C-alpha atoms as a PDB file:
ATOM      1  CA  MET A   1      -2.489-114.455  61.845  1.00  0.00           C
ATOM      2  CA  ASP A   2      -0.614-116.277  59.516  1.00  0.00           C
ATOM      3  CA  LYS A   3       1.941-117.805  61.607  1.00  0.00           C
ATOM      4  CA  LEU A   4       3.725-121.182  60.347  1.00  0.00           C
ATOM      5  CA  ASP A   5       1.478-124.278  61.280  1.00  0.00           C
ATOM      6  CA  LYS A   6       2.582-126.092  63.580  1.00  0.00           C
ATOM      7  CA  SER A   7      -0.289-128.132  64.879  1.00  0.00           C
ATOM      8  CA  ARG A   8       0.771-131.195  62.561  1.00  0.00           C
ATOM      9  CA  SER A   9       4.576-130.485  62.353  1.00  0.00           C
ATOM     10  CA  THR A  10       5.226-133.460  64.123  1.00  0.00           C
ATOM     11  CA  LEU A  11       3.457-136.771  64.210  1.00  0.00           C
ATOM     12  CA  ASP A  12       1.594-138.764  67.728  1.00  0.00           C
ATOM     13  CA  VAL A  13       4.791-140.904  69.149  1.00  0.00           C
ATOM     14  CA  SER A  14       2.824-143.967  68.491  1.00  0.00           C
ATOM     15  CA  ASP A  15       3.211-143.222  64.977  1.00  0.00           C
ATOM     16  CA  PRO A  16       6.026-144.764  63.153  1.00  0.00           C
ATOM     17  CA  VAL A  17       9.008-142.468  61.247  1.00  0.00           C
ATOM     18  CA  LEU A  18       7.758-141.882  57.977  1.00  0.00           C
ATOM     19  CA  SER A  19      11.250-142.590  56.402  1.00  0.00           C
ATOM     20  CA  GLN A  20      14.397-144.040  57.438  1.00  0.00           C
ATOM     21  CA  GLU A  21      15.844-145.133  53.625  1.00  0.00           C
ATOM     22  CA  PRO A  22      18.751-143.328  53.755  1.00  0.00           C
ATOM     23  CA  PHE A  23      18.927-140.195  50.678  1.00  0.00           C
ATOM     24  CA  ASP A  24      21.581-140.383  47.689  1.00  0.00           C
ATOM     25  CA  CYS A  25      22.055-136.148  48.841  1.00  0.00           C
ATOM     26  CA  ASN A  26      21.520-133.637  50.912  1.00  0.00           C
ATOM     27  CA  ILE A  27      18.569-131.104  51.099  1.00  0.00           C
ATOM     28  CA  PHE A  28      19.639-127.465  51.826  1.00  0.00           C
ATOM     29  CA  LEU A  29      16.785-125.383  52.682  1.00  0.00           C
ATOM     30  CA  ILE A  30      17.457-121.497  52.361  1.00  0.00           C
ATOM     31  CA  GLY A  31      15.006-118.769  51.809  1.00  0.00           C
ATOM     32  CA  PHE A  32      14.216-115.339  53.632  1.00  0.00           C
ATOM     33  CA  MET A  33      14.602-115.230  57.251  1.00  0.00           C
ATOM     34  CA  GLY A  34      10.847-116.395  58.431  1.00  0.00           C
ATOM     35  CA  ALA A  35      10.065-118.570  55.402  1.00  0.00           C
ATOM     36  CA  GLY A  36      10.124-120.911  58.194  1.00  0.00           C
ATOM     37  CA  LYS A  37      13.854-123.241  56.857  1.00  0.00           C
ATOM     38  CA  SER A  38      14.369-123.919  61.002  1.00  0.00           C
ATOM     39  CA  THR A  39      10.705-125.374  61.995  1.00  0.00           C
ATOM     40  CA  VAL A  40      10.738-126.813  58.293  1.00  0.00           C
ATOM     41  CA  SER A  41      14.161-128.905  59.008  1.00  0.00           C
ATOM     42  CA  LYS A  42      13.125-129.784  62.618  1.00  0.00           C
ATOM     43  CA  ALA A  43      10.400-131.160  61.581  1.00  0.00           C
ATOM     44  CA  LEU A  44      11.844-133.515  59.061  1.00  0.00           C
ATOM     45  CA  GLU A  45      14.645-134.515  61.545  1.00  0.00           C
ATOM     46  CA  GLN A  46      11.432-135.681  63.689  1.00  0.00           C
ATOM     47  CA  ASN A  47       9.570-137.726  60.870  1.00  0.00           C
ATOM     48  CA  TYR A  48      11.762-138.917  58.304  1.00  0.00           C
ATOM     49  CA  ALA A  49      14.968-139.749  60.393  1.00  0.00           C
ATOM     50  CA  LEU A  50      16.901-137.270  58.728  1.00  0.00           C
ATOM     51  CA  ASP A  51      20.073-135.802  60.074  1.00  0.00           C
ATOM     52  CA  VAL A  52      19.797-131.955  60.770  1.00  0.00           C
ATOM     53  CA  ILE A  53      22.143-129.305  60.125  1.00  0.00           C
ATOM     54  CA  GLU A  54      21.703-125.823  61.494  1.00  0.00           C
ATOM     55  CA  MET A  55      24.238-123.187  59.989  1.00  0.00           C
ATOM     56  CA  ASP A  56      23.509-120.516  62.302  1.00  0.00           C
ATOM     57  CA  ASP A  57      23.826-122.344  65.432  1.00  0.00           C
ATOM     58  CA  ILE A  58      27.061-124.396  63.708  1.00  0.00           C
ATOM     59  CA  ILE A  59      29.621-121.536  63.675  1.00  0.00           C
ATOM     60  CA  ALA A  60      27.870-119.807  66.503  1.00  0.00           C
ATOM     61  CA  ARG A  61      29.449-122.777  68.459  1.00  0.00           C
ATOM     62  CA  ARG A  62      32.156-122.810  67.209  1.00  0.00           C
ATOM     63  CA  ASN A  63      33.006-119.158  67.884  1.00  0.00           C
ATOM     64  CA  HIS A  64      31.144-119.122  70.629  1.00  0.00           C
ATOM     65  CA  MET A  65      29.556-116.043  70.404  1.00  0.00           C
ATOM     66  CA  SER A  66      26.308-115.161  68.571  1.00  0.00           C
ATOM     67  CA  ILE A  67      26.609-114.297  64.996  1.00  0.00           C
ATOM     68  CA  PRO A  68      25.712-110.220  65.475  1.00  0.00           C
ATOM     69  CA  GLU A  69      29.134-110.605  67.775  1.00  0.00           C
ATOM     70  CA  ILE A  70      30.400-112.999  65.179  1.00  0.00           C
ATOM     71  CA  PHE A  71      30.231-109.449  63.120  1.00  0.00           C
ATOM     72  CA  ASN A  72      30.758-107.224  64.979  1.00  0.00           C
ATOM     73  CA  THR A  73      34.569-108.832  66.302  1.00  0.00           C
ATOM     74  CA  TYR A  74      35.650-110.343  62.669  1.00  0.00           C
ATOM     75  CA  GLY A  75      33.504-108.400  59.841  1.00  0.00           C
ATOM     76  CA  GLU A  76      31.142-109.924  57.337  1.00  0.00           C
ATOM     77  CA  GLU A  77      33.608-111.969  54.873  1.00  0.00           C
ATOM     78  CA  TYR A  78      34.985-113.855  57.930  1.00  0.00           C
ATOM     79  CA  PHE A  79      31.307-115.113  58.716  1.00  0.00           C
ATOM     80  CA  ARG A  80      30.783-115.599  54.987  1.00  0.00           C
ATOM     81  CA  SER A  81      34.133-117.469  55.111  1.00  0.00           C
ATOM     82  CA  GLU A  82      32.473-119.812  57.636  1.00  0.00           C
ATOM     83  CA  GLU A  83      30.033-120.464  56.319  1.00  0.00           C
ATOM     84  CA  THR A  84      30.949-121.324  52.884  1.00  0.00           C
ATOM     85  CA  LYS A  85      33.969-123.862  55.106  1.00  0.00           C
ATOM     86  CA  LEU A  86      30.989-125.265  56.765  1.00  0.00           C
ATOM     87  CA  LEU A  87      29.308-125.686  53.828  1.00  0.00           C
ATOM     88  CA  SER A  88      32.439-127.754  52.472  1.00  0.00           C
ATOM     89  CA  GLU A  89      31.834-129.874  55.150  1.00  0.00           C
ATOM     90  CA  CYS A  90      29.030-131.126  53.732  1.00  0.00           C
ATOM     91  CA  ARG A  91      30.497-132.902  50.625  1.00  0.00           C
ATOM     92  CA  GLY A  92      30.485-137.042  51.066  1.00  0.00           C
ATOM     93  CA  GLN A  93      27.670-137.395  53.572  1.00  0.00           C
ATOM     94  CA  LYS A  94      24.514-138.435  53.337  1.00  0.00           C
ATOM     95  CA  SER A  95      20.516-137.394  54.080  1.00  0.00           C
ATOM     96  CA  LEU A  96      21.105-134.369  55.741  1.00  0.00           C
ATOM     97  CA  VAL A  97      18.747-131.897  55.897  1.00  0.00           C
ATOM     98  CA  VAL A  98      20.586-128.084  55.797  1.00  0.00           C
ATOM     99  CA  SER A  99      18.856-124.594  57.299  1.00  0.00           C
ATOM    100  CA  CYS A 100      21.337-121.676  55.676  1.00  0.00           C
ATOM    101  CA  GLY A 101      20.924-118.516  56.719  1.00  0.00           C
ATOM    102  CA  GLY A 102      19.208-115.921  54.880  1.00  0.00           C
ATOM    103  CA  GLY A 103      21.785-114.890  52.998  1.00  0.00           C
ATOM    104  CA  VAL A 104      23.498-118.149  51.836  1.00  0.00           C
ATOM    105  CA  ALA A 105      22.137-117.973  48.628  1.00  0.00           C
ATOM    106  CA  MET A 106      23.884-114.706  47.622  1.00  0.00           C
ATOM    107  CA  ARG A 107      27.107-116.072  47.369  1.00  0.00           C
ATOM    108  CA  PRO A 108      28.462-118.254  44.233  1.00  0.00           C
ATOM    109  CA  VAL A 109      30.495-120.177  45.809  1.00  0.00           C
ATOM    110  CA  ASN A 110      27.769-121.881  48.520  1.00  0.00           C
ATOM    111  CA  VAL A 111      25.564-122.619  46.208  1.00  0.00           C
ATOM    112  CA  GLU A 112      28.469-124.471  43.771  1.00  0.00           C
ATOM    113  CA  GLU A 113      29.105-126.056  46.872  1.00  0.00           C
ATOM    114  CA  MET A 114      25.548-126.833  47.730  1.00  0.00           C
ATOM    115  CA  LYS A 115      25.113-128.582  44.879  1.00  0.00           C
ATOM    116  CA  LYS A 116      28.622-130.579  44.638  1.00  0.00           C
ATOM    117  CA  SER A 117      26.513-132.639  47.986  1.00  0.00           C
ATOM    118  CA  GLY A 118      22.528-131.773  47.489  1.00  0.00           C
ATOM    119  CA  LEU A 119      19.758-130.783  46.114  1.00  0.00           C
ATOM    120  CA  VAL A 120      18.744-126.605  47.360  1.00  0.00           C
ATOM    121  CA  VAL A 121      14.609-125.942  48.290  1.00  0.00           C
ATOM    122  CA  LEU A 122      13.904-122.833  47.856  1.00  0.00           C
ATOM    123  CA  LEU A 123      11.262-121.793  50.858  1.00  0.00           C
ATOM    124  CA  THR A 124       8.927-119.168  49.883  1.00  0.00           C
ATOM    125  CA  ALA A 125       6.305-116.537  51.980  1.00  0.00           C
ATOM    126  CA  THR A 126       4.186-113.406  50.956  1.00  0.00           C
ATOM    127  CA  PRO A 127       5.850-110.258  52.929  1.00  0.00           C
ATOM    128  CA  SER A 128       2.934-110.251  54.888  1.00  0.00           C
ATOM    129  CA  THR A 129       3.371-113.593  56.067  1.00  0.00           C
ATOM    130  CA  ILE A 130       7.136-113.129  57.123  1.00  0.00           C
ATOM    131  CA  LEU A 131       5.474-110.492  59.151  1.00  0.00           C
ATOM    132  CA  GLU A 132       3.170-112.406  61.142  1.00  0.00           C
ATOM    133  CA  ARG A 133       5.740-115.188  61.715  1.00  0.00           C
ATOM    134  CA  VAL A 134       9.012-112.605  62.450  1.00  0.00           C
ATOM    135  CA  GLU A 135       6.951-109.191  64.383  1.00  0.00           C
ATOM    136  CA  ASP A 136       7.676-111.379  68.103  1.00  0.00           C
ATOM    137  CA  SER A 137      11.267-112.058  67.349  1.00  0.00           C
ATOM    138  CA  HIS A 138      14.507-110.074  68.467  1.00  0.00           C
ATOM    139  CA  ASP A 139      17.147-112.307  67.010  1.00  0.00           C
ATOM    140  CA  ARG A 140      16.723-111.002  63.305  1.00  0.00           C
ATOM    141  CA  PRO A 141      18.783-107.642  63.954  1.00  0.00           C
ATOM    142  CA  LEU A 142      18.046-106.758  59.713  1.00  0.00           C
ATOM    143  CA  LEU A 143      14.895-106.527  60.946  1.00  0.00           C
ATOM    144  CA  GLU A 144      14.155-105.346  64.622  1.00  0.00           C
ATOM    145  CA  ASN A 145      13.449-102.096  63.564  1.00  0.00           C
ATOM    146  CA  ASN A 146      11.824-102.829  60.302  1.00  0.00           C
ATOM    147  CA  LYS A 147       9.202-104.317  60.784  1.00  0.00           C
ATOM    148  CA  THR A 148       7.259-103.268  57.807  1.00  0.00           C
ATOM    149  CA  VAL A 149       5.263-105.259  54.797  1.00  0.00           C
ATOM    150  CA  GLU A 150       7.281-102.358  52.765  1.00  0.00           C
ATOM    151  CA  TYR A 151      10.572-103.513  53.922  1.00  0.00           C
ATOM    152  CA  ILE A 152      11.019-106.174  53.927  1.00  0.00           C
ATOM    153  CA  GLN A 153       8.920-106.290  50.021  1.00  0.00           C
ATOM    154  CA  GLU A 154      12.098-104.402  49.518  1.00  0.00           C
ATOM    155  CA  LEU A 155      14.539-106.861  51.223  1.00  0.00           C
ATOM    156  CA  MET A 156      13.238-109.932  49.359  1.00  0.00           C
ATOM    157  CA  GLU A 157      12.989-108.061  45.652  1.00  0.00           C
ATOM    158  CA  LYS A 158      17.191-107.953  46.200  1.00  0.00           C
ATOM    159  CA  ARG A 159      16.978-111.304  46.839  1.00  0.00           C
ATOM    160  CA  ARG A 160      14.574-113.254  45.478  1.00  0.00           C
ATOM    161  CA  PRO A 161      17.148-113.678  41.598  1.00  0.00           C
ATOM    162  CA  TYR A 162      19.878-115.148  44.229  1.00  0.00           C
ATOM    163  CA  TYR A 163      17.773-117.375  45.670  1.00  0.00           C
ATOM    164  CA  GLU A 164      15.326-118.587  42.671  1.00  0.00           C
ATOM    165  CA  ALA A 165      18.838-119.279  40.929  1.00  0.00           C
ATOM    166  CA  ALA A 166      20.314-121.037  43.697  1.00  0.00           C
ATOM    167  CA  ALA A 167      17.519-123.253  43.931  1.00  0.00           C
ATOM    168  CA  ASP A 168      16.331-126.192  42.399  1.00  0.00           C
ATOM    169  CA  LEU A 169      12.899-126.722  43.563  1.00  0.00           C
ATOM    170  CA  VAL A 170      10.820-123.940  45.207  1.00  0.00           C
ATOM    171  CA  VAL A 171       7.858-124.713  47.936  1.00  0.00           C
ATOM    172  CA  ASN A 172       5.510-122.658  49.281  1.00  0.00           C
ATOM    173  CA  THR A 173       4.594-122.048  52.829  1.00  0.00           C
ATOM    174  CA  ASP A 174       2.360-119.441  53.233  1.00  0.00           C
ATOM    175  CA  GLY A 175      -0.823-120.607  55.080  1.00  0.00           C
ATOM    176  CA  ARG A 176       0.021-124.343  55.021  1.00  0.00           C
ATOM    177  CA  GLY A 177       0.673-127.298  57.859  1.00  0.00           C
ATOM    178  CA  VAL A 178       4.625-128.429  58.312  1.00  0.00           C
ATOM    179  CA  PHE A 179       4.167-131.947  57.754  1.00  0.00           C
ATOM    180  CA  GLU A 180       2.231-130.763  55.032  1.00  0.00           C
ATOM    181  CA  ILE A 181       5.774-128.700  53.465  1.00  0.00           C
ATOM    182  CA  CYS A 182       7.096-131.667  54.767  1.00  0.00           C
ATOM    183  CA  ASN A 183       5.188-133.910  52.766  1.00  0.00           C
ATOM    184  CA  GLU A 184       6.179-132.752  49.471  1.00  0.00           C
ATOM    185  CA  ILE A 185       9.788-131.599  49.980  1.00  0.00           C
ATOM    186  CA  ILE A 186      10.647-135.375  50.998  1.00  0.00           C
ATOM    187  CA  THR A 187       8.970-136.329  47.334  1.00  0.00           C
ATOM    188  CA  ARG A 188      10.661-133.906  45.247  1.00  0.00           C
ATOM    189  CA  THR A 189      13.705-134.611  46.417  1.00  0.00           C
ATOM    190  CA  SER A 190      13.315-137.961  46.655  1.00  0.00           C
ATOM    191  CA  THR A 191      12.341-138.618  43.350  1.00  0.00           C
ATOM    192  CA  LEU A 192      15.292-135.666  42.284  1.00  0.00           C
ATOM    193  CA  CYS A 193      18.219-137.558  44.259  1.00  0.00           C
ATOM    194  CA  THR A 194      16.977-141.049  42.732  1.00  0.00           C
ATOM    195  CA  ALA A 195      16.914-139.727  38.878  1.00  0.00           C
ATOM    196  CA  GLY A 196      19.812-137.483  39.210  1.00  0.00           C
ATOM    197  CA  LYS A 197      20.117-133.390  39.820  1.00  0.00           C
ATOM    198  CA  PRO A 198      18.487-131.489  37.323  1.00  0.00           C
ATOM    199  CA  GLY A 199      20.657-129.889  34.865  1.00  0.00           C
ATOM    200  CA  PRO A 200      23.535-127.349  34.138  1.00  0.00           C
ATOM    201  CA  SER A 201      23.016-124.333  36.819  1.00  0.00           C
ATOM    202  CA  LYS A 202      21.399-121.332  36.230  1.00  0.00           C
ATOM    203  CA  GLN A 203      23.171-118.453  35.972  1.00  0.00           C
ATOM    204  CA  GLN A 204      24.659-117.261  39.711  1.00  0.00           C
ATOM    205  CA  PRO A 205      23.835-112.762  40.425  1.00  0.00           C
ATOM    206  CA  GLU A 206      27.016-111.556  40.662  1.00  0.00           C
ATOM    207  CA  GLU A 207      27.955-111.682  45.026  1.00  0.00           C
ATOM    208  CA  LYS A 208      26.484-108.907  46.938  1.00  0.00           C
ATOM    209  CA  MET A 209      27.770-108.204  50.196  1.00  0.00           C
ATOM    210  CA  ASN A 210      25.732-106.718  53.626  1.00  0.00           C
ATOM    211  CA  GLN A 211      22.918-108.215  52.771  1.00  0.00           C
ATOM    212  CA  GLU A 212      22.163-110.939  55.476  1.00  0.00           C
END
């Protein structure tokens, strides 16, 4: 089983926090469900003293209902607007790690908002790895009745152009410990935040709906 290895996801309590210097920009984690966004963001929070925003959790709390309930009650367009609103609130802030929902990068306006205040880090994993990580989860409606490598691969391929167009960095999570992944993210984003962001954003594909 290639579950995201959490054996080194946190430090011993006697160890110092690895970095307390504020970043000059935010880190936005994007990627397919099961790529490790929530696990990695929590490890970054604990080990690097960074503040974490779990987008879905905040939107659910603000609306006093679960994400599926928001979709059923208000529709997808309302939910997407809530995502965009939350991303816009990150402007003017620093040292945030934002764990984005799987569909955030599908909307060009969201990508624009992320790039205004930070770097977009795409976490990747193979379809088989994704399946192993989510097979026991029942809080992912899109996969609940479609937990096969073939279906996951099909959906990942539909999203891949959007993810890759949005990403400033790509970090693979297959077969790696969370601490190793976090160290790579911090090292690479620190360099880019210090040196300045990469060149102009890549051309975004046309927005697609109903893909969360």
